[in-house]
PDB file of all heavy atoms in Angstrom:
ATOM      1  N   ALA A   1      80.765  74.495   4.093  1.00  0.00           N
ATOM      2  CA  ALA A   1      81.997  74.220   3.356  1.00  0.00           C
ATOM      3  C   ALA A   1      81.689  73.223   2.250  1.00  0.00           C
ATOM      4  O   ALA A   1      80.833  72.363   2.401  1.00  0.00           O
ATOM      5  CB  ALA A   1      83.083  73.679   4.281  1.00  0.00           C
ATOM      6  N   ASP A   2      82.413  73.339   1.168  1.00  0.00           N
ATOM      7  CA  ASP A   2      82.248  72.434   0.039  1.00  0.00           C
ATOM      8  C   ASP A   2      83.260  71.299   0.185  1.00  0.00           C
ATOM      9  O   ASP A   2      84.474  71.518   0.159  1.00  0.00           O
ATOM     10  CB  ASP A   2      82.499  73.200  -1.265  1.00  0.00           C
ATOM     11  CG  ASP A   2      82.248  72.332  -2.503  1.00  0.00           C
ATOM     12  OD1 ASP A   2      81.955  71.140  -2.372  1.00  0.00           O
ATOM     13  OD2 ASP A   2      82.376  72.886  -3.615  1.00  0.00           O
ATOM     14  N   LEU A   3      82.760  70.091   0.316  1.00  0.00           N
ATOM     15  CA  LEU A   3      83.642  68.941   0.508  1.00  0.00           C
ATOM     16  C   LEU A   3      84.306  68.493  -0.783  1.00  0.00           C
ATOM     17  O   LEU A   3      85.045  67.520  -0.795  1.00  0.00           O
ATOM     18  CB  LEU A   3      82.882  67.792   1.145  1.00  0.00           C
ATOM     19  CG  LEU A   3      82.413  68.052   2.572  1.00  0.00           C
ATOM     20  CD1 LEU A   3      81.532  66.916   3.071  1.00  0.00           C
ATOM     21  CD2 LEU A   3      83.589  68.253   3.483  1.00  0.00           C
ATOM     22  N   ASN A   4      84.040  69.204  -1.869  1.00  0.00           N
ATOM     23  CA  ASN A   4      84.731  68.934  -3.132  1.00  0.00           C
ATOM     24  C   ASN A   4      86.065  69.678  -3.214  1.00  0.00           C
ATOM     25  O   ASN A   4      86.760  69.585  -4.220  1.00  0.00           O
ATOM     26  CB  ASN A   4      83.843  69.342  -4.320  1.00  0.00           C
ATOM     27  CG  ASN A   4      82.698  68.378  -4.483  1.00  0.00           C
ATOM     28  OD1 ASN A   4      82.905  67.179  -4.640  1.00  0.00           O
ATOM     29  ND2 ASN A   4      81.486  68.890  -4.439  1.00  0.00           N
ATOM     30  N   SER A   5      86.369  70.444  -2.176  1.00  0.00           N
ATOM     31  CA  SER A   5      87.668  71.136  -2.144  1.00  0.00           C
ATOM     32  C   SER A   5      88.298  70.870  -0.781  1.00  0.00           C
ATOM     33  O   SER A   5      87.961  69.902  -0.113  1.00  0.00           O
ATOM     34  CB  SER A   5      87.470  72.624  -2.404  1.00  0.00           C
ATOM     35  OG  SER A   5      86.642  73.212  -1.413  1.00  0.00           O
ATOM     36  N   PHE A   6      89.176  71.727  -0.368  1.00  0.00           N
ATOM     37  CA  PHE A   6      89.896  71.495   0.879  1.00  0.00           C
ATOM     38  C   PHE A   6      89.024  71.744   2.090  1.00  0.00           C
ATOM     39  O   PHE A   6      88.239  72.667   2.123  1.00  0.00           O
ATOM     40  CB  PHE A   6      91.175  72.348   0.911  1.00  0.00           C
ATOM     41  CG  PHE A   6      92.099  72.022  -0.212  1.00  0.00           C
ATOM     42  CD1 PHE A   6      92.143  72.810  -1.341  1.00  0.00           C
ATOM     43  CD2 PHE A   6      92.884  70.894  -0.143  1.00  0.00           C
ATOM     44  CE1 PHE A   6      92.995  72.465  -2.402  1.00  0.00           C
ATOM     45  CE2 PHE A   6      93.733  70.556  -1.190  1.00  0.00           C
ATOM     46  CZ  PHE A   6      93.778  71.334  -2.322  1.00  0.00           C
ATOM     47  N   ILE A   7      89.185  70.910   3.113  1.00  0.00           N
ATOM     48  CA  ILE A   7      88.440  71.067   4.369  1.00  0.00           C
ATOM     49  C   ILE A   7      89.051  72.256   5.116  1.00  0.00           C
ATOM     50  O   ILE A   7      90.271  72.312   5.282  1.00  0.00           O
ATOM     51  CB  ILE A   7      88.501  69.770   5.195  1.00  0.00           C
ATOM     52  CG1 ILE A   7      87.783  68.633   4.434  1.00  0.00           C
ATOM     53  CG2 ILE A   7      87.852  69.975   6.550  1.00  0.00           C
ATOM     54  CD1 ILE A   7      87.866  67.304   5.109  1.00  0.00           C
ATOM     55  N   PRO A   8      88.230  73.173   5.593  1.00  0.00           N
ATOM     56  CA  PRO A   8      88.751  74.432   6.179  1.00  0.00           C
ATOM     57  C   PRO A   8      89.264  74.303   7.603  1.00  0.00           C
ATOM     58  O   PRO A   8      88.834  75.020   8.513  1.00  0.00           O
ATOM     59  CB  PRO A   8      87.545  75.352   6.108  1.00  0.00           C
ATOM     60  CG  PRO A   8      86.367  74.449   6.218  1.00  0.00           C
ATOM     61  CD  PRO A   8      86.783  73.181   5.512  1.00  0.00           C
ATOM     62  N   TYR A   9      90.195  73.377   7.827  1.00  0.00           N
ATOM     63  CA  TYR A   9      90.814  73.189   9.137  1.00  0.00           C
ATOM     64  C   TYR A   9      92.303  72.947   8.947  1.00  0.00           C
ATOM     65  O   TYR A   9      92.732  72.498   7.881  1.00  0.00           O
ATOM     66  CB  TYR A   9      90.189  72.019   9.896  1.00  0.00           C
ATOM     67  CG  TYR A   9      88.729  72.195  10.211  1.00  0.00           C
ATOM     68  CD1 TYR A   9      87.747  71.600   9.430  1.00  0.00           C
ATOM     69  CD2 TYR A   9      88.320  72.998  11.268  1.00  0.00           C
ATOM     70  CE1 TYR A   9      86.399  71.777   9.710  1.00  0.00           C
ATOM     71  CE2 TYR A   9      86.983  73.192  11.554  1.00  0.00           C
ATOM     72  CZ  TYR A   9      86.027  72.588  10.771  1.00  0.00           C
ATOM     73  OH  TYR A   9      84.700  72.772  11.049  1.00  0.00           O
ATOM     74  N   GLY A  10      93.053  73.154  10.004  1.00  0.00           N
ATOM     75  CA  GLY A  10      94.495  72.902   9.961  1.00  0.00           C
ATOM     76  C   GLY A  10      94.795  71.413  10.004  1.00  0.00           C
ATOM     77  O   GLY A  10      93.917  70.567  10.095  1.00  0.00           O
ATOM     78  N   ASP A  11      96.061  71.096   9.970  1.00  0.00           N
ATOM     79  CA  ASP A  11      96.518  69.712   9.996  1.00  0.00           C
ATOM     80  C   ASP A  11      96.395  69.131  11.401  1.00  0.00           C
ATOM     81  O   ASP A  11      96.663  69.816  12.388  1.00  0.00           O
ATOM     82  CB  ASP A  11      97.997  69.622   9.566  1.00  0.00           C
ATOM     83  CG  ASP A  11      98.203  70.055   8.129  1.00  0.00           C
ATOM     84  OD1 ASP A  11      97.215  70.206   7.392  1.00  0.00           O
ATOM     85  OD2 ASP A  11      99.373  70.217   7.744  1.00  0.00           O
ATOM     86  N   GLU A  12      95.985  67.865  11.469  1.00  0.00           N
ATOM     87  CA  GLU A  12      95.962  67.070  12.698  1.00  0.00           C
ATOM     88  C   GLU A  12      95.262  67.762  13.866  1.00  0.00           C
ATOM     89  O   GLU A  12      95.810  67.842  14.959  1.00  0.00           O
ATOM     90  CB  GLU A  12      97.394  66.667  13.070  1.00  0.00           C
ATOM     91  CG  GLU A  12      98.057  65.818  11.996  1.00  0.00           C
ATOM     92  CD  GLU A  12      99.419  65.300  12.362  1.00  0.00           C
ATOM     93  OE1 GLU A  12      99.950  65.616  13.451  1.00  0.00           O
ATOM     94  OE2 GLU A  12      99.989  64.534  11.537  1.00  0.00           O
ATOM     95  N   VAL A  13      94.021  68.207  13.632  1.00  0.00           N
ATOM     96  CA  VAL A  13      93.290  68.904  14.699  1.00  0.00           C
ATOM     97  C   VAL A  13      92.146  68.086  15.287  1.00  0.00           C
ATOM     98  O   VAL A  13      91.588  68.470  16.313  1.00  0.00           O
ATOM     99  CB  VAL A  13      92.743  70.271  14.197  1.00  0.00           C
ATOM    100  CG1 VAL A  13      93.861  71.222  13.895  1.00  0.00           C
ATOM    101  CG2 VAL A  13      91.830  70.095  12.999  1.00  0.00           C
ATOM    102  N   PHE A  14      91.794  66.950  14.687  1.00  0.00           N
ATOM    103  CA  PHE A  14      90.659  66.165  15.172  1.00  0.00           C
ATOM    104  C   PHE A  14      91.088  64.756  15.579  1.00  0.00           C
ATOM    105  O   PHE A  14      91.987  64.177  14.972  1.00  0.00           O
ATOM    106  CB  PHE A  14      89.570  66.061  14.095  1.00  0.00           C
ATOM    107  CG  PHE A  14      88.906  67.368  13.780  1.00  0.00           C
ATOM    108  CD1 PHE A  14      89.203  68.036  12.607  1.00  0.00           C
ATOM    109  CD2 PHE A  14      88.018  67.951  14.671  1.00  0.00           C
ATOM    110  CE1 PHE A  14      88.609  69.251  12.313  1.00  0.00           C
ATOM    111  CE2 PHE A  14      87.426  69.157  14.390  1.00  0.00           C
ATOM    112  CZ  PHE A  14      87.727  69.812  13.193  1.00  0.00           C
ATOM    113  N   GLN A  15      90.416  64.209  16.575  1.00  0.00           N
ATOM    114  CA  GLN A  15      90.667  62.848  17.016  1.00  0.00           C
ATOM    115  C   GLN A  15      89.827  61.835  16.243  1.00  0.00           C
ATOM    116  O   GLN A  15      90.119  60.640  16.274  1.00  0.00           O
ATOM    117  CB  GLN A  15      90.366  62.720  18.502  1.00  0.00           C
ATOM    118  CG  GLN A  15      91.305  63.524  19.361  1.00  0.00           C
ATOM    119  CD  GLN A  15      90.915  63.493  20.834  1.00  0.00           C
ATOM    120  OE1 GLN A  15      89.793  63.169  21.185  1.00  0.00           O
ATOM    121  NE2 GLN A  15      91.892  63.801  21.699  1.00  0.00           N
ATOM    122  N   GLY A  16      88.793  62.302  15.598  1.00  0.00           N
ATOM    123  CA  GLY A  16      87.929  61.392  14.847  1.00  0.00           C
ATOM    124  C   GLY A  16      87.138  62.143  13.792  1.00  0.00           C
ATOM    125  O   GLY A  16      86.953  63.351  13.887  1.00  0.00           O
ATOM    126  N   ALA A  17      86.677  61.390  12.798  1.00  0.00           N
ATOM    127  CA  ALA A  17      85.848  61.963  11.731  1.00  0.00           C
ATOM    128  C   ALA A  17      84.781  60.959  11.342  1.00  0.00           C
ATOM    129  O   ALA A  17      85.065  59.761  11.251  1.00  0.00           O
ATOM    130  CB  ALA A  17      86.682  62.333  10.529  1.00  0.00           C
ATOM    131  N   ALA A  18      83.576  61.434  11.147  1.00  0.00           N
ATOM    132  CA  ALA A  18      82.486  60.611  10.653  1.00  0.00           C
ATOM    133  C   ALA A  18      82.076  61.139   9.289  1.00  0.00           C
ATOM    134  O   ALA A  18      81.810  62.341   9.139  1.00  0.00           O
ATOM    135  CB  ALA A  18      81.316  60.643  11.618  1.00  0.00           C
ATOM    136  N   CYS A  19      82.036  60.272   8.327  1.00  0.00           N
ATOM    137  CA  CYS A  19      81.655  60.633   6.963  1.00  0.00           C
ATOM    138  C   CYS A  19      80.503  59.713   6.580  1.00  0.00           C
ATOM    139  O   CYS A  19      80.724  58.566   6.185  1.00  0.00           O
ATOM    140  CB  CYS A  19      82.853  60.460   6.027  1.00  0.00           C
ATOM    141  SG  CYS A  19      82.566  60.957   4.340  1.00  0.00           S
ATOM    142  N   ILE A  20      79.296  60.208   6.762  1.00  0.00           N
ATOM    143  CA  ILE A  20      78.105  59.372   6.606  1.00  0.00           C
ATOM    144  C   ILE A  20      77.345  59.715   5.330  1.00  0.00           C
ATOM    145  O   ILE A  20      76.818  60.819   5.191  1.00  0.00           O
ATOM    146  CB  ILE A  20      77.165  59.518   7.830  1.00  0.00           C
ATOM    147  CG1 ILE A  20      77.936  59.412   9.142  1.00  0.00           C
ATOM    148  CG2 ILE A  20      76.006  58.537   7.747  1.00  0.00           C
ATOM    149  CD1 ILE A  20      78.614  58.091   9.398  1.00  0.00           C
ATOM    150  N   ASN A  21      77.314  58.779   4.407  1.00  0.00           N
ATOM    151  CA  ASN A  21      76.611  58.923   3.121  1.00  0.00           C
ATOM    152  C   ASN A  21      76.976  60.234   2.417  1.00  0.00           C
ATOM    153  O   ASN A  21      76.102  60.971   1.954  1.00  0.00           O
ATOM    154  CB  ASN A  21      75.101  58.791   3.324  1.00  0.00           C
ATOM    155  CG  ASN A  21      74.719  57.374   3.627  1.00  0.00           C
ATOM    156  OD1 ASN A  21      75.312  56.442   3.127  1.00  0.00           O
ATOM    157  ND2 ASN A  21      73.719  57.194   4.493  1.00  0.00           N
ATOM    158  N   VAL A  22      78.274  60.485   2.326  1.00  0.00           N
ATOM    159  CA  VAL A  22      78.784  61.678   1.636  1.00  0.00           C
ATOM    160  C   VAL A  22      79.747  61.263   0.521  1.00  0.00           C
ATOM    161  O   VAL A  22      79.711  61.841  -0.552  1.00  0.00           O
ATOM    162  CB  VAL A  22      79.542  62.587   2.639  1.00  0.00           C
ATOM    163  CG1 VAL A  22      80.225  63.740   1.930  1.00  0.00           C
ATOM    164  CG2 VAL A  22      78.590  63.096   3.701  1.00  0.00           C
ATOM    165  N   LEU A  23      80.565  60.278   0.760  1.00  0.00           N
ATOM    166  CA  LEU A  23      81.641  59.910  -0.154  1.00  0.00           C
ATOM    167  C   LEU A  23      81.136  59.680  -1.577  1.00  0.00           C
ATOM    168  O   LEU A  23      81.773  60.086  -2.546  1.00  0.00           O
ATOM    169  CB  LEU A  23      82.370  58.680   0.358  1.00  0.00           C
ATOM    170  CG  LEU A  23      83.682  58.363  -0.298  1.00  0.00           C
ATOM    171  CD1 LEU A  23      84.726  59.426   0.016  1.00  0.00           C
ATOM    172  CD2 LEU A  23      84.187  57.000   0.113  1.00  0.00           C
ATOM    173  N   TYR A  24      79.999  59.048  -1.728  1.00  0.00           N
ATOM    174  CA  TYR A  24      79.484  58.717  -3.064  1.00  0.00           C
ATOM    175  C   TYR A  24      79.072  59.965  -3.847  1.00  0.00           C
ATOM    176  O   TYR A  24      78.986  59.936  -5.067  1.00  0.00           O
ATOM    177  CB  TYR A  24      78.314  57.743  -2.978  1.00  0.00           C
ATOM    178  CG  TYR A  24      77.005  58.359  -2.551  1.00  0.00           C
ATOM    179  CD1 TYR A  24      76.078  58.813  -3.499  1.00  0.00           C
ATOM    180  CD2 TYR A  24      76.676  58.516  -1.217  1.00  0.00           C
ATOM    181  CE1 TYR A  24      74.890  59.394  -3.103  1.00  0.00           C
ATOM    182  CE2 TYR A  24      75.505  59.081  -0.818  1.00  0.00           C
ATOM    183  CZ  TYR A  24      74.611  59.521  -1.770  1.00  0.00           C
ATOM    184  OH  TYR A  24      73.419  60.104  -1.396  1.00  0.00           O
ATOM    185  N   ALA A  25      78.816  61.064  -3.150  1.00  0.00           N
ATOM    186  CA  ALA A  25      78.264  62.257  -3.791  1.00  0.00           C
ATOM    187  C   ALA A  25      79.282  63.333  -4.127  1.00  0.00           C
ATOM    188  O   ALA A  25      78.956  64.294  -4.815  1.00  0.00           O
ATOM    189  CB  ALA A  25      77.173  62.849  -2.893  1.00  0.00           C
ATOM    190  N   VAL A  26      80.513  63.206  -3.647  1.00  0.00           N
ATOM    191  CA  VAL A  26      81.526  64.209  -3.961  1.00  0.00           C
ATOM    192  C   VAL A  26      82.168  63.910  -5.312  1.00  0.00           C
ATOM    193  O   VAL A  26      82.136  62.764  -5.788  1.00  0.00           O
ATOM    194  CB  VAL A  26      82.593  64.334  -2.855  1.00  0.00           C
ATOM    195  CG1 VAL A  26      81.998  64.846  -1.569  1.00  0.00           C
ATOM    196  CG2 VAL A  26      83.329  63.033  -2.655  1.00  0.00           C
ATOM    197  N   LYS A  27      82.749  64.919  -5.928  1.00  0.00           N
ATOM    198  CA  LYS A  27      83.355  64.755  -7.242  1.00  0.00           C
ATOM    199  C   LYS A  27      84.583  63.841  -7.190  1.00  0.00           C
ATOM    200  O   LYS A  27      84.798  63.033  -8.081  1.00  0.00           O
ATOM    201  CB  LYS A  27      83.747  66.102  -7.847  1.00  0.00           C
ATOM    202  CG  LYS A  27      82.570  66.966  -8.184  1.00  0.00           C
ATOM    203  CD  LYS A  27      83.011  68.337  -8.647  1.00  0.00           C
ATOM    204  CE  LYS A  27      81.798  69.226  -8.837  1.00  0.00           C
ATOM    205  NZ  LYS A  27      82.156  70.639  -9.000  1.00  0.00           N
ATOM    206  N   ARG A  28      85.382  64.018  -6.131  1.00  0.00           N
ATOM    207  CA  ARG A  28      86.603  63.223  -5.989  1.00  0.00           C
ATOM    208  C   ARG A  28      86.679  62.612  -4.605  1.00  0.00           C
ATOM    209  O   ARG A  28      87.179  63.230  -3.670  1.00  0.00           O
ATOM    210  CB  ARG A  28      87.835  64.106  -6.233  1.00  0.00           C
ATOM    211  CG  ARG A  28      87.976  64.539  -7.686  1.00  0.00           C
ATOM    212  CD  ARG A  28      89.335  65.094  -7.999  1.00  0.00           C
ATOM    213  NE  ARG A  28      90.419  64.322  -7.439  1.00  0.00           N
ATOM    214  CZ  ARG A  28      91.589  64.851  -7.111  1.00  0.00           C
ATOM    215  NH1 ARG A  28      91.832  66.137  -7.278  1.00  0.00           N
ATOM    216  NH2 ARG A  28      92.550  64.096  -6.611  1.00  0.00           N
ATOM    217  N   PRO A  29      86.195  61.392  -4.461  1.00  0.00           N
ATOM    218  CA  PRO A  29      86.270  60.741  -3.165  1.00  0.00           C
ATOM    219  C   PRO A  29      87.681  60.675  -2.585  1.00  0.00           C
ATOM    220  O   PRO A  29      87.875  60.783  -1.390  1.00  0.00           O
ATOM    221  CB  PRO A  29      85.702  59.334  -3.424  1.00  0.00           C
ATOM    222  CG  PRO A  29      84.874  59.473  -4.646  1.00  0.00           C
ATOM    223  CD  PRO A  29      85.525  60.552  -5.457  1.00  0.00           C
ATOM    224  N   ASP A  30      88.671  60.531  -3.459  1.00  0.00           N
ATOM    225  CA  ASP A  30      90.053  60.449  -2.982  1.00  0.00           C
ATOM    226  C   ASP A  30      90.479  61.768  -2.339  1.00  0.00           C
ATOM    227  O   ASP A  30      91.143  61.771  -1.305  1.00  0.00           O
ATOM    228  CB  ASP A  30      91.010  60.079  -4.121  1.00  0.00           C
ATOM    229  CG  ASP A  30      91.037  61.129  -5.256  1.00  0.00           C
ATOM    230  OD1 ASP A  30      89.966  61.651  -5.622  1.00  0.00           O
ATOM    231  OD2 ASP A  30      92.137  61.399  -5.758  1.00  0.00           O
ATOM    232  N   LEU A  31      90.078  62.904  -2.900  1.00  0.00           N
ATOM    233  CA  LEU A  31      90.433  64.193  -2.319  1.00  0.00           C
ATOM    234  C   LEU A  31      89.795  64.352  -0.932  1.00  0.00           C
ATOM    235  O   LEU A  31      90.453  64.778   0.011  1.00  0.00           O
ATOM    236  CB  LEU A  31      89.989  65.339  -3.216  1.00  0.00           C
ATOM    237  CG  LEU A  31      90.222  66.753  -2.665  1.00  0.00           C
ATOM    238  CD1 LEU A  31      91.699  67.018  -2.423  1.00  0.00           C
ATOM    239  CD2 LEU A  31      89.632  67.800  -3.586  1.00  0.00           C
ATOM    240  N   LEU A  32      88.532  63.966  -0.807  1.00  0.00           N
ATOM    241  CA  LEU A  32      87.876  64.073   0.508  1.00  0.00           C
ATOM    242  C   LEU A  32      88.569  63.206   1.545  1.00  0.00           C
ATOM    243  O   LEU A  32      88.858  63.651   2.653  1.00  0.00           O
ATOM    244  CB  LEU A  32      86.392  63.704   0.394  1.00  0.00           C
ATOM    245  CG  LEU A  32      85.631  63.689   1.717  1.00  0.00           C
ATOM    246  CD1 LEU A  32      85.710  65.052   2.432  1.00  0.00           C
ATOM    247  CD2 LEU A  32      84.191  63.267   1.511  1.00  0.00           C
ATOM    248  N   LEU A  33      88.889  61.953   1.195  1.00  0.00           N
ATOM    249  CA  LEU A  33      89.547  61.066   2.165  1.00  0.00           C
ATOM    250  C   LEU A  33      90.943  61.562   2.503  1.00  0.00           C
ATOM    251  O   LEU A  33      91.373  61.474   3.654  1.00  0.00           O
ATOM    252  CB  LEU A  33      89.593  59.645   1.635  1.00  0.00           C
ATOM    253  CG  LEU A  33      88.240  58.903   1.657  1.00  0.00           C
ATOM    254  CD1 LEU A  33      88.398  57.518   1.050  1.00  0.00           C
ATOM    255  CD2 LEU A  33      87.686  58.818   3.057  1.00  0.00           C
ATOM    256  N   LYS A  34      91.657  62.115   1.538  1.00  0.00           N
ATOM    257  CA  LYS A  34      92.995  62.664   1.843  1.00  0.00           C
ATOM    258  C   LYS A  34      92.878  63.877   2.769  1.00  0.00           C
ATOM    259  O   LYS A  34      93.723  64.078   3.646  1.00  0.00           O
ATOM    260  CB  LYS A  34      93.712  63.049   0.548  1.00  0.00           C
ATOM    261  CG  LYS A  34      94.196  61.839  -0.231  1.00  0.00           C
ATOM    262  CD  LYS A  34      94.792  62.238  -1.568  1.00  0.00           C
ATOM    263  CE  LYS A  34      95.169  60.981  -2.358  1.00  0.00           C
ATOM    264  NZ  LYS A  34      95.620  61.323  -3.713  1.00  0.00           N
ATOM    265  N   GLU A  35      91.834  64.664   2.582  1.00  0.00           N
ATOM    266  CA  GLU A  35      91.625  65.823   3.447  1.00  0.00           C
ATOM    267  C   GLU A  35      91.237  65.396   4.872  1.00  0.00           C
ATOM    268  O   GLU A  35      91.698  65.960   5.849  1.00  0.00           O
ATOM    269  CB  GLU A  35      90.549  66.741   2.867  1.00  0.00           C
ATOM    270  CG  GLU A  35      91.061  67.680   1.822  1.00  0.00           C
ATOM    271  CD  GLU A  35      92.082  68.654   2.409  1.00  0.00           C
ATOM    272  OE1 GLU A  35      91.674  69.559   3.149  1.00  0.00           O
ATOM    273  OE2 GLU A  35      93.275  68.482   2.125  1.00  0.00           O
ATOM    274  N   ILE A  36      90.400  64.367   4.963  1.00  0.00           N
ATOM    275  CA  ILE A  36      90.062  63.848   6.291  1.00  0.00           C
ATOM    276  C   ILE A  36      91.326  63.301   6.953  1.00  0.00           C
ATOM    277  O   ILE A  36      91.566  63.544   8.139  1.00  0.00           O
ATOM    278  CB  ILE A  36      88.968  62.752   6.180  1.00  0.00           C
ATOM    279  CG1 ILE A  36      87.637  63.400   5.755  1.00  0.00           C
ATOM    280  CG2 ILE A  36      88.801  62.029   7.523  1.00  0.00           C
ATOM    281  CD1 ILE A  36      86.545  62.401   5.432  1.00  0.00           C
ATOM    282  N   HIS A  37      92.133  62.596   6.199  1.00  0.00           N
ATOM    283  CA  HIS A  37      93.398  62.082   6.724  1.00  0.00           C
ATOM    284  C   HIS A  37      94.274  63.223   7.226  1.00  0.00           C
ATOM    285  O   HIS A  37      94.876  63.154   8.308  1.00  0.00           O
ATOM    286  CB  HIS A  37      94.120  61.284   5.629  1.00  0.00           C
ATOM    287  CG  HIS A  37      95.363  60.612   6.072  1.00  0.00           C
ATOM    288  ND1 HIS A  37      96.602  61.228   6.073  1.00  0.00           N
ATOM    289  CD2 HIS A  37      95.557  59.347   6.527  1.00  0.00           C
ATOM    290  CE1 HIS A  37      97.496  60.398   6.521  1.00  0.00           C
ATOM    291  NE2 HIS A  37      96.909  59.227   6.796  1.00  0.00           N
ATOM    292  N   ARG A  38      94.334  64.301   6.488  1.00  0.00           N
ATOM    293  CA  ARG A  38      95.160  65.471   6.861  1.00  0.00           C
ATOM    294  C   ARG A  38      94.711  66.104   8.172  1.00  0.00           C
ATOM    295  O   ARG A  38      95.525  66.456   9.002  1.00  0.00           O
ATOM    296  CB  ARG A  38      95.118  66.530   5.732  1.00  0.00           C
ATOM    297  CG  ARG A  38      95.924  67.780   6.040  1.00  0.00           C
ATOM    298  CD  ARG A  38      95.760  68.830   4.938  1.00  0.00           C
ATOM    299  NE  ARG A  38      94.405  69.340   4.831  1.00  0.00           N
ATOM    300  CZ  ARG A  38      93.871  70.266   5.630  1.00  0.00           C
ATOM    301  NH1 ARG A  38      94.554  70.761   6.646  1.00  0.00           N
ATOM    302  NH2 ARG A  38      92.635  70.693   5.432  1.00  0.00           N
ATOM    303  N   VAL A  39      93.404  66.225   8.384  1.00  0.00           N
ATOM    304  CA  VAL A  39      92.910  66.926   9.584  1.00  0.00           C
ATOM    305  C   VAL A  39      92.870  66.031  10.804  1.00  0.00           C
ATOM    306  O   VAL A  39      92.675  66.522  11.925  1.00  0.00           O
ATOM    307  CB  VAL A  39      91.549  67.604   9.352  1.00  0.00           C
ATOM    308  CG1 VAL A  39      91.622  68.612   8.231  1.00  0.00           C
ATOM    309  CG2 VAL A  39      90.430  66.588   9.106  1.00  0.00           C
ATOM    310  N   LEU A  40      93.056  64.717  10.634  1.00  0.00           N
ATOM    311  CA  LEU A  40      93.066  63.787  11.778  1.00  0.00           C
ATOM    312  C   LEU A  40      94.434  63.743  12.420  1.00  0.00           C
ATOM    313  O   LEU A  40      95.456  63.731  11.732  1.00  0.00           O
ATOM    314  CB  LEU A  40      92.663  62.391  11.347  1.00  0.00           C
ATOM    315  CG  LEU A  40      91.179  62.129  11.114  1.00  0.00           C
ATOM    316  CD1 LEU A  40      90.976  60.690  10.640  1.00  0.00           C
ATOM    317  CD2 LEU A  40      90.372  62.388  12.367  1.00  0.00           C
ATOM    318  N   GLU A  41      94.436  63.635  13.743  1.00  0.00           N
ATOM    319  CA  GLU A  41      95.675  63.382  14.490  1.00  0.00           C
ATOM    320  C   GLU A  41      96.156  61.969  14.182  1.00  0.00           C
ATOM    321  O   GLU A  41      95.379  61.113  13.752  1.00  0.00           O
ATOM    322  CB  GLU A  41      95.408  63.474  15.994  1.00  0.00           C
ATOM    323  CG  GLU A  41      94.970  64.829  16.478  1.00  0.00           C
ATOM    324  CD  GLU A  41      94.586  64.823  17.975  1.00  0.00           C
ATOM    325  OE1 GLU A  41      94.516  63.724  18.574  1.00  0.00           O
ATOM    326  OE2 GLU A  41      94.371  65.922  18.498  1.00  0.00           O
ATOM    327  N   ILE A  42      97.427  61.705  14.462  1.00  0.00           N
ATOM    328  CA  ILE A  42      97.931  60.337  14.373  1.00  0.00           C
ATOM    329  C   ILE A  42      97.113  59.486  15.344  1.00  0.00           C
ATOM    330  O   ILE A  42      96.891  59.855  16.494  1.00  0.00           O
ATOM    331  CB  ILE A  42      99.438  60.270  14.773  1.00  0.00           C
ATOM    332  CG1 ILE A  42     100.268  61.161  13.868  1.00  0.00           C
ATOM    333  CG2 ILE A  42      99.927  58.830  14.769  1.00  0.00           C
ATOM    334  CD1 ILE A  42     100.272  60.787  12.409  1.00  0.00           C
ATOM    335  N   GLY A  43      96.621  58.370  14.879  1.00  0.00           N
ATOM    336  CA  GLY A  43      95.769  57.511  15.704  1.00  0.00           C
ATOM    337  C   GLY A  43      94.305  57.913  15.627  1.00  0.00           C
ATOM    338  O   GLY A  43      93.452  57.258  16.235  1.00  0.00           O
TER     339      GLY A  43
END
């Protein structure tokens, strides 16, 4: 999957996410973080 676009998962499906040495290399770090936020459950 290309992390420069939408993450291919539904909303609130994961309990945790690890983003290791990726944020600096994507075109829009804000889009990636918003997508991670979207796929994470509350908490």
